[in-house]
């Protein structure tokens, strides 16, 4: 009996039952198939080799073929930059500015941390200097063991 036959509908089938029947039919049809589907993404041609040699994964991200002009004038003057070259140059400038800004933030953070550490050590030394000092016999008892060990 076909899943889509009129007798199936007349038997009181619902849309939910229809979906189960279609899924069962599709799964049983795919089981007999010897070919398996792969859900992994494929690598670009030569990507592994380029990574091993320190190059960009794709051939058009950076390098002489992307960065250098395609042509020049016969008298040796360079060609005007292309739109893609101008866009990449601007992206690199923005990235360089951001790197410099983040680096200065890190430097300021390190300086602030050092200042806080110095302040904490000063406060600790100040607390130790303000503590009450032993007097009388306690001073004499502390000095005697030091003299005996020498």
N, C-alpha and C. Protein backbone atom coordinates (compact mmCIF):
# COMPACT_ATOMS: atom_id res chain seq x y z
N UNK A 1 0.85 -1.18 0.00
CA UNK A 1 0.00 0.00 0.00
C UNK A 1 0.89 1.24 0.00
N UNK A 2 0.61 2.18 -0.79
CA UNK A 2 1.36 3.41 -0.87
C UNK A 2 0.98 4.32 0.29
N UNK A 3 1.92 5.10 0.75
CA UNK A 3 1.67 6.02 1.85
C UNK A 3 0.66 7.07 1.44
N UNK A 4 0.64 7.41 0.17
CA UNK A 4 -0.21 8.49 -0.32
C UNK A 4 -1.53 7.98 -0.92
N UNK A 5 -1.85 6.71 -0.75
CA UNK A 5 -3.07 6.18 -1.38
C UNK A 5 -4.31 6.68 -0.67
N UNK A 6 -5.41 6.64 -1.35
CA UNK A 6 -6.67 7.14 -0.79
C UNK A 6 -7.17 6.25 0.33
N UNK A 7 -6.81 4.97 0.33
CA UNK A 7 -7.28 4.10 1.41
C UNK A 7 -6.62 4.46 2.72
N UNK A 8 -5.41 4.93 2.69
CA UNK A 8 -4.74 5.33 3.94
C UNK A 8 -5.46 6.52 4.55
N UNK A 9 -5.82 7.50 3.72
CA UNK A 9 -6.53 8.68 4.23
C UNK A 9 -7.91 8.31 4.74
N UNK A 10 -8.58 7.39 4.05
CA UNK A 10 -9.92 7.01 4.47
C UNK A 10 -9.91 6.20 5.75
N UNK A 11 -8.75 5.63 6.09
CA UNK A 11 -8.65 4.84 7.32
C UNK A 11 -8.49 5.73 8.53
N UNK A 12 -8.54 7.04 8.36
CA UNK A 12 -8.47 7.94 9.52
C UNK A 12 -7.08 8.42 9.83
N UNK A 13 -6.19 8.46 8.87
CA UNK A 13 -4.83 8.92 9.09
C UNK A 13 -4.78 10.42 9.35
N UNK A 14 -3.85 10.86 10.18
CA UNK A 14 -3.69 12.28 10.47
C UNK A 14 -2.36 12.75 9.94
N UNK A 15 -2.14 14.07 10.05
CA UNK A 15 -0.88 14.62 9.55
C UNK A 15 0.30 14.08 10.34
N UNK A 16 0.14 13.89 11.63
CA UNK A 16 1.22 13.33 12.47
C UNK A 16 1.58 11.93 12.05
N UNK A 17 0.54 11.12 11.79
CA UNK A 17 0.79 9.76 11.32
C UNK A 17 1.43 9.77 9.95
N UNK A 18 1.04 10.74 9.14
CA UNK A 18 1.60 10.88 7.80
C UNK A 18 3.10 11.15 7.88
N UNK A 19 3.51 12.04 8.80
CA UNK A 19 4.93 12.37 8.95
C UNK A 19 5.72 11.15 9.40
N UNK A 20 5.15 10.37 10.32
CA UNK A 20 5.84 9.17 10.81
C UNK A 20 5.99 8.17 9.67
N UNK A 21 4.96 8.03 8.88
CA UNK A 21 5.02 7.08 7.77
C UNK A 21 6.05 7.50 6.73
N UNK A 22 6.08 8.80 6.42
CA UNK A 22 7.05 9.27 5.43
C UNK A 22 8.47 9.12 5.96
N UNK A 23 8.68 9.44 7.23
CA UNK A 23 10.02 9.30 7.81
C UNK A 23 10.45 7.84 7.80
N UNK A 24 9.56 6.93 8.14
CA UNK A 24 9.88 5.51 8.12
C UNK A 24 10.21 5.04 6.71
N UNK A 25 9.45 5.53 5.76
CA UNK A 25 9.69 5.16 4.36
C UNK A 25 11.06 5.66 3.90
N UNK A 26 11.38 6.91 4.22
CA UNK A 26 12.67 7.48 3.80
C UNK A 26 13.83 6.77 4.48
N UNK A 27 13.69 6.48 5.77
CA UNK A 27 14.78 5.80 6.47
C UNK A 27 15.01 4.41 5.92
N UNK A 28 13.93 3.70 5.62
CA UNK A 28 14.10 2.35 5.08
C UNK A 28 14.71 2.41 3.68
N UNK A 29 14.40 3.43 2.91
CA UNK A 29 14.99 3.55 1.57
C UNK A 29 16.47 3.88 1.66
N UNK A 30 16.88 4.70 2.66
CA UNK A 30 18.28 5.08 2.79
C UNK A 30 19.13 3.98 3.39
N UNK A 31 18.51 3.05 4.13
CA UNK A 31 19.29 1.97 4.73
C UNK A 31 19.93 1.07 3.69
N UNK A 32 19.25 0.87 2.61
CA UNK A 32 19.77 0.01 1.55
C UNK A 32 20.86 0.68 0.75
N UNK A 33 21.03 1.95 0.91
CA UNK A 33 22.02 2.70 0.14
C UNK A 33 23.40 2.48 0.76
N UNK A 34 24.38 2.14 -0.04
CA UNK A 34 25.72 1.89 0.48
C UNK A 34 26.53 3.17 0.63
N UNK A 35 26.10 4.23 0.01
CA UNK A 35 26.83 5.50 0.06
C UNK A 35 26.41 6.29 1.30
N UNK A 36 27.38 6.83 2.00
CA UNK A 36 27.08 7.59 3.21
C UNK A 36 27.26 9.07 2.95
N UNK A 37 26.46 9.87 3.62
CA UNK A 37 26.56 11.32 3.48
C UNK A 37 27.52 11.86 4.53
N UNK A 38 28.32 12.81 4.15
CA UNK A 38 29.25 13.43 5.07
C UNK A 38 28.76 14.83 5.41
N UNK A 39 28.82 15.18 6.70
CA UNK A 39 28.36 16.51 7.12
C UNK A 39 29.54 17.41 7.48
N UNK A 40 30.76 16.97 7.26
CA UNK A 40 31.92 17.81 7.57
C UNK A 40 32.20 18.75 6.41
N UNK A 41 32.80 19.89 6.72
CA UNK A 41 33.12 20.84 5.65
C UNK A 41 34.44 20.42 5.00
N UNK A 42 34.51 20.57 3.73
CA UNK A 42 35.70 20.20 3.00
C UNK A 42 36.77 21.27 3.09
N UNK A 43 38.00 20.89 2.92
CA UNK A 43 39.11 21.84 2.92
C UNK A 43 39.29 22.41 1.53
N UNK A 44 39.79 23.63 1.48
CA UNK A 44 40.13 24.20 0.19
C UNK A 44 41.36 23.48 -0.34
N UNK A 45 41.49 23.46 -1.63
CA UNK A 45 42.62 22.76 -2.23
C UNK A 45 43.93 23.38 -1.77
N UNK A 46 44.80 22.57 -1.21
CA UNK A 46 46.11 23.04 -0.78
C UNK A 46 46.14 23.76 0.56
N UNK A 47 45.03 23.79 1.28
CA UNK A 47 44.99 24.53 2.55
C UNK A 47 45.98 23.95 3.56
N UNK A 48 46.05 22.63 3.65
CA UNK A 48 46.96 21.99 4.60
C UNK A 48 48.42 22.34 4.26
N UNK A 49 48.77 22.29 2.99
CA UNK A 49 50.14 22.60 2.57
C UNK A 49 50.48 24.05 2.89
N UNK A 50 49.53 24.98 2.60
CA UNK A 50 49.79 26.40 2.87
C UNK A 50 49.98 26.65 4.36
N UNK A 51 49.17 26.01 5.19
CA UNK A 51 49.32 26.18 6.65
C UNK A 51 50.67 25.64 7.13
N UNK A 52 51.09 24.50 6.60
CA UNK A 52 52.38 23.91 6.99
C UNK A 52 53.54 24.81 6.61
N UNK A 53 53.40 25.59 5.54
CA UNK A 53 54.47 26.47 5.08
C UNK A 53 54.29 27.91 5.55
N UNK A 54 53.38 28.13 6.50
CA UNK A 54 53.23 29.46 7.09
C UNK A 54 52.48 30.45 6.22
N UNK A 55 51.70 29.97 5.30
CA UNK A 55 50.94 30.86 4.42
C UNK A 55 49.48 30.91 4.86
N UNK A 56 48.72 31.79 4.25
CA UNK A 56 47.30 31.91 4.56
C UNK A 56 46.57 30.64 4.13
N UNK A 57 45.49 30.26 4.84
CA UNK A 57 44.74 29.06 4.45
C UNK A 57 44.17 29.15 3.03
N UNK A 58 43.68 30.31 2.65
CA UNK A 58 43.19 30.52 1.29
C UNK A 58 44.24 31.30 0.52
N UNK A 59 44.26 31.15 -0.77
CA UNK A 59 45.29 31.81 -1.56
C UNK A 59 45.05 33.29 -1.79
N UNK A 60 43.88 33.81 -1.42
CA UNK A 60 43.56 35.20 -1.75
C UNK A 60 43.48 36.10 -0.53
N UNK A 61 43.96 35.67 0.63
CA UNK A 61 43.83 36.48 1.84
C UNK A 61 44.95 37.50 1.97
N UNK A 62 46.18 37.09 1.76
CA UNK A 62 47.31 38.01 1.77
C UNK A 62 48.44 37.38 0.98
N UNK A 63 49.42 38.16 0.65
CA UNK A 63 50.54 37.65 -0.12
C UNK A 63 50.77 38.50 -1.35
N UNK A 64 51.80 38.19 -2.11
CA UNK A 64 52.15 39.03 -3.26
C UNK A 64 51.08 39.06 -4.34
N UNK A 65 50.35 37.98 -4.53
CA UNK A 65 49.31 38.00 -5.56
C UNK A 65 48.14 38.89 -5.17
N UNK A 66 47.95 39.08 -3.89
CA UNK A 66 46.84 39.92 -3.42
C UNK A 66 47.29 41.35 -3.18
N UNK A 67 48.48 41.53 -2.64
CA UNK A 67 48.92 42.85 -2.19
C UNK A 67 49.59 43.69 -3.29
N UNK A 68 50.26 43.06 -4.21
CA UNK A 68 50.98 43.82 -5.23
C UNK A 68 50.04 44.19 -6.37
N UNK A 69 50.33 45.28 -7.08
CA UNK A 69 49.45 45.67 -8.20
C UNK A 69 49.52 44.66 -9.34
N UNK A 70 48.45 44.62 -10.11
CA UNK A 70 48.39 43.68 -11.24
C UNK A 70 49.20 44.15 -12.43
N UNK A 71 49.42 45.43 -12.55
CA UNK A 71 50.11 45.98 -13.71
C UNK A 71 50.79 47.29 -13.32
N UNK A 72 51.60 47.82 -14.21
CA UNK A 72 52.23 49.13 -14.02
C UNK A 72 52.33 49.79 -15.39
N UNK A 73 52.59 51.09 -15.39
CA UNK A 73 52.73 51.80 -16.64
C UNK A 73 54.05 51.41 -17.31
N UNK A 74 54.13 51.61 -18.60
CA UNK A 74 55.32 51.24 -19.36
C UNK A 74 56.54 52.04 -18.92
N UNK A 75 56.33 53.28 -18.45
CA UNK A 75 57.47 54.09 -18.03
C UNK A 75 57.90 53.79 -16.59
N UNK A 76 57.27 52.79 -15.92
CA UNK A 76 57.70 52.37 -14.59
C UNK A 76 56.86 52.91 -13.45
N UNK A 77 55.97 53.85 -13.75
CA UNK A 77 55.11 54.35 -12.68
C UNK A 77 54.19 53.24 -12.17
N UNK A 78 53.93 53.21 -10.87
CA UNK A 78 53.02 52.17 -10.36
C UNK A 78 51.58 52.47 -10.76
N UNK A 79 50.80 51.42 -10.83
CA UNK A 79 49.38 51.57 -11.15
C UNK A 79 48.64 52.09 -9.92
N UNK A 80 47.54 52.79 -10.13
CA UNK A 80 46.77 53.24 -8.97
C UNK A 80 46.22 52.02 -8.22
N UNK A 81 46.10 52.12 -6.91
CA UNK A 81 45.63 50.95 -6.14
C UNK A 81 44.18 50.61 -6.49
N UNK A 82 43.90 49.32 -6.44
CA UNK A 82 42.56 48.84 -6.73
C UNK A 82 41.66 49.00 -5.50
N UNK A 83 40.36 48.88 -5.71
CA UNK A 83 39.42 49.05 -4.59
C UNK A 83 39.68 48.04 -3.49
N UNK A 84 39.95 46.80 -3.86
CA UNK A 84 40.22 45.75 -2.86
C UNK A 84 41.48 46.06 -2.07
N UNK A 85 42.51 46.57 -2.76
CA UNK A 85 43.74 46.92 -2.07
C UNK A 85 43.50 48.06 -1.09
N UNK A 86 42.73 49.07 -1.49
CA UNK A 86 42.41 50.18 -0.59
C UNK A 86 41.61 49.70 0.61
N UNK A 87 40.66 48.80 0.38
CA UNK A 87 39.85 48.27 1.47
C UNK A 87 40.72 47.48 2.45
N UNK A 88 41.60 46.62 1.93
CA UNK A 88 42.48 45.84 2.81
C UNK A 88 43.44 46.74 3.58
N UNK A 89 43.95 47.79 2.93
CA UNK A 89 44.84 48.73 3.61
C UNK A 89 44.10 49.41 4.76
N UNK A 90 42.87 49.82 4.52
CA UNK A 90 42.09 50.49 5.56
C UNK A 90 41.79 49.51 6.70
N UNK A 91 41.45 48.27 6.38
CA UNK A 91 41.21 47.27 7.43
C UNK A 91 42.45 47.05 8.27
N UNK A 92 43.62 47.01 7.63
CA UNK A 92 44.86 46.82 8.38
C UNK A 92 45.17 48.01 9.27
N UNK A 93 44.88 49.24 8.78
CA UNK A 93 45.10 50.43 9.61
C UNK A 93 44.19 50.42 10.82
N UNK A 94 42.93 50.06 10.62
CA UNK A 94 41.99 49.99 11.75
C UNK A 94 42.47 48.94 12.75
N UNK A 95 42.91 47.79 12.25
CA UNK A 95 43.41 46.74 13.14
C UNK A 95 44.66 47.21 13.89
N UNK A 96 45.57 47.89 13.20
CA UNK A 96 46.79 48.38 13.85
C UNK A 96 46.46 49.40 14.93
N UNK A 97 45.50 50.30 14.66
CA UNK A 97 45.10 51.28 15.67
C UNK A 97 44.50 50.59 16.88
N UNK A 98 43.69 49.57 16.64
CA UNK A 98 43.07 48.85 17.76
C UNK A 98 44.13 48.12 18.58
N UNK A 99 45.11 47.54 17.91
CA UNK A 99 46.19 46.84 18.62
C UNK A 99 46.95 47.82 19.50
N UNK A 100 47.27 49.00 18.95
CA UNK A 100 48.00 50.01 19.73
C UNK A 100 47.17 50.46 20.93
N UNK A 101 45.85 50.67 20.73
CA UNK A 101 44.99 51.10 21.82
C UNK A 101 44.92 50.03 22.91
N UNK A 102 44.73 48.76 22.52
CA UNK A 102 44.65 47.69 23.50
C UNK A 102 45.98 47.50 24.23
N UNK A 103 47.08 47.67 23.50
CA UNK A 103 48.39 47.55 24.13
C UNK A 103 48.60 48.64 25.16
N UNK A 104 48.17 49.87 24.85
CA UNK A 104 48.31 50.95 25.83
C UNK A 104 47.41 50.71 27.04
N UNK A 105 46.22 50.11 26.83
CA UNK A 105 45.35 49.78 27.96
C UNK A 105 46.01 48.75 28.86
N UNK A 106 46.66 47.76 28.26
CA UNK A 106 47.36 46.74 29.04
C UNK A 106 48.49 47.38 29.83
N UNK A 107 49.25 48.28 29.19
CA UNK A 107 50.35 48.95 29.88
C UNK A 107 49.83 49.77 31.06
N UNK A 108 48.72 50.51 30.84
CA UNK A 108 48.13 51.28 31.95
C UNK A 108 47.66 50.36 33.06
N UNK A 109 47.09 49.23 32.71
CA UNK A 109 46.64 48.27 33.72
C UNK A 109 47.79 47.72 34.53
N UNK A 110 48.90 47.43 33.88
CA UNK A 110 50.08 46.92 34.59
C UNK A 110 50.62 47.99 35.54
N UNK A 111 50.69 49.24 35.07
CA UNK A 111 51.16 50.33 35.92
C UNK A 111 50.25 50.51 37.13
N UNK A 112 48.94 50.47 36.92
CA UNK A 112 48.00 50.62 38.04
C UNK A 112 48.16 49.47 39.03
N UNK A 113 48.38 48.26 38.53
CA UNK A 113 48.58 47.12 39.41
C UNK A 113 49.84 47.29 40.25
N UNK A 114 50.93 47.77 39.60
CA UNK A 114 52.17 48.01 40.34
C UNK A 114 51.97 49.06 41.41
N UNK A 115 51.24 50.15 41.08
CA UNK A 115 50.99 51.21 42.07
C UNK A 115 50.19 50.65 43.23
N UNK A 116 49.18 49.83 42.96
CA UNK A 116 48.38 49.23 44.04
C UNK A 116 49.23 48.31 44.90
N UNK A 117 50.12 47.54 44.28
CA UNK A 117 50.99 46.65 45.04
C UNK A 117 51.93 47.45 45.95
N UNK A 118 52.50 48.53 45.41
CA UNK A 118 53.38 49.37 46.23
C UNK A 118 52.61 50.01 47.38
N UNK A 119 51.40 50.46 47.10
CA UNK A 119 50.58 51.06 48.15
C UNK A 119 50.24 50.03 49.22
N UNK A 120 49.96 48.80 48.81
CA UNK A 120 49.65 47.75 49.78
C UNK A 120 50.86 47.45 50.66
N UNK A 121 52.06 47.41 50.08
CA UNK A 121 53.25 47.14 50.89
C UNK A 121 53.52 48.31 51.84
N UNK A 122 53.30 49.55 51.36
CA UNK A 122 53.47 50.71 52.26
C UNK A 122 52.50 50.66 53.42
N UNK A 123 51.24 50.32 53.13
CA UNK A 123 50.24 50.22 54.19
C UNK A 123 50.61 49.12 55.18
N UNK A 124 51.11 48.01 54.69
CA UNK A 124 51.51 46.90 55.58
C UNK A 124 52.68 47.33 56.46
N UNK A 125 53.66 48.02 55.89
CA UNK A 125 54.79 48.51 56.69
C UNK A 125 54.33 49.55 57.70
N UNK A 126 53.39 50.40 57.30
CA UNK A 126 52.87 51.42 58.23
C UNK A 126 52.15 50.75 59.39
N UNK A 127 51.35 49.72 59.11
CA UNK A 127 50.64 49.00 60.17
C UNK A 127 51.63 48.36 61.14
N UNK A 128 52.70 47.78 60.60
CA UNK A 128 53.70 47.15 61.47
C UNK A 128 54.41 48.19 62.33
N UNK A 129 54.66 49.37 61.79
CA UNK A 129 55.36 50.40 62.56
C UNK A 129 54.47 51.00 63.64
N UNK A 130 53.15 50.96 63.46
CA UNK A 130 52.23 51.55 64.42
C UNK A 130 51.92 50.59 65.57
N UNK A 131 52.17 49.29 65.40
CA UNK A 131 51.87 48.32 66.45
C UNK A 131 52.63 48.65 67.74
N UNK A 132 52.07 48.22 68.87
CA UNK A 132 52.72 48.45 70.16
C UNK A 132 54.01 47.64 70.23
N UNK A 133 55.02 48.25 70.83
CA UNK A 133 56.33 47.62 70.97
C UNK A 133 56.44 46.99 72.35
N UNK A 134 57.13 45.85 72.44
CA UNK A 134 57.33 45.25 73.77
C UNK A 134 58.28 46.10 74.62
N UNK A 135 58.07 46.08 75.93
CA UNK A 135 58.89 46.88 76.83
C UNK A 135 59.45 46.02 77.96
N UNK A 136 60.46 46.55 78.59
CA UNK A 136 60.99 45.96 79.82
C UNK A 136 61.59 44.59 79.63
N UNK A 137 61.12 43.64 80.44
CA UNK A 137 61.69 42.29 80.46
C UNK A 137 61.48 41.56 79.14
N UNK A 138 60.43 41.85 78.42
CA UNK A 138 60.19 41.17 77.14
C UNK A 138 61.29 41.48 76.13
N UNK A 139 61.80 42.72 76.16
CA UNK A 139 62.89 43.07 75.25
C UNK A 139 64.15 42.31 75.64
N UNK A 140 64.42 42.23 76.93
CA UNK A 140 65.62 41.53 77.40
C UNK A 140 65.53 40.03 77.08
N UNK A 141 64.35 39.44 77.22
CA UNK A 141 64.19 38.01 76.93
C UNK A 141 64.38 37.73 75.44
N UNK A 142 63.96 38.64 74.60
CA UNK A 142 64.11 38.43 73.16
C UNK A 142 65.57 38.56 72.73
N UNK A 143 66.32 39.45 73.40
CA UNK A 143 67.71 39.66 73.00
C UNK A 143 68.61 38.52 73.45
N UNK A 144 68.36 37.89 74.58
CA UNK A 144 69.23 36.83 75.10
C UNK A 144 69.33 35.63 74.17
N UNK A 145 68.23 35.08 73.64
CA UNK A 145 68.38 33.94 72.75
C UNK A 145 69.20 34.27 71.49
N UNK A 146 69.11 35.50 71.03
CA UNK A 146 69.88 35.87 69.86
C UNK A 146 71.36 35.89 70.18
N UNK A 147 71.71 36.34 71.36
CA UNK A 147 73.12 36.38 71.73
C UNK A 147 73.66 34.97 71.96
N UNK A 148 72.86 34.07 72.52
CA UNK A 148 73.32 32.72 72.79
C UNK A 148 73.53 31.91 71.52
N UNK A 149 72.76 32.16 70.49
CA UNK A 149 72.93 31.40 69.26
C UNK A 149 74.15 31.82 68.48
N UNK A 150 74.62 33.03 68.71
CA UNK A 150 75.80 33.51 67.97
C UNK A 150 77.01 32.98 68.57
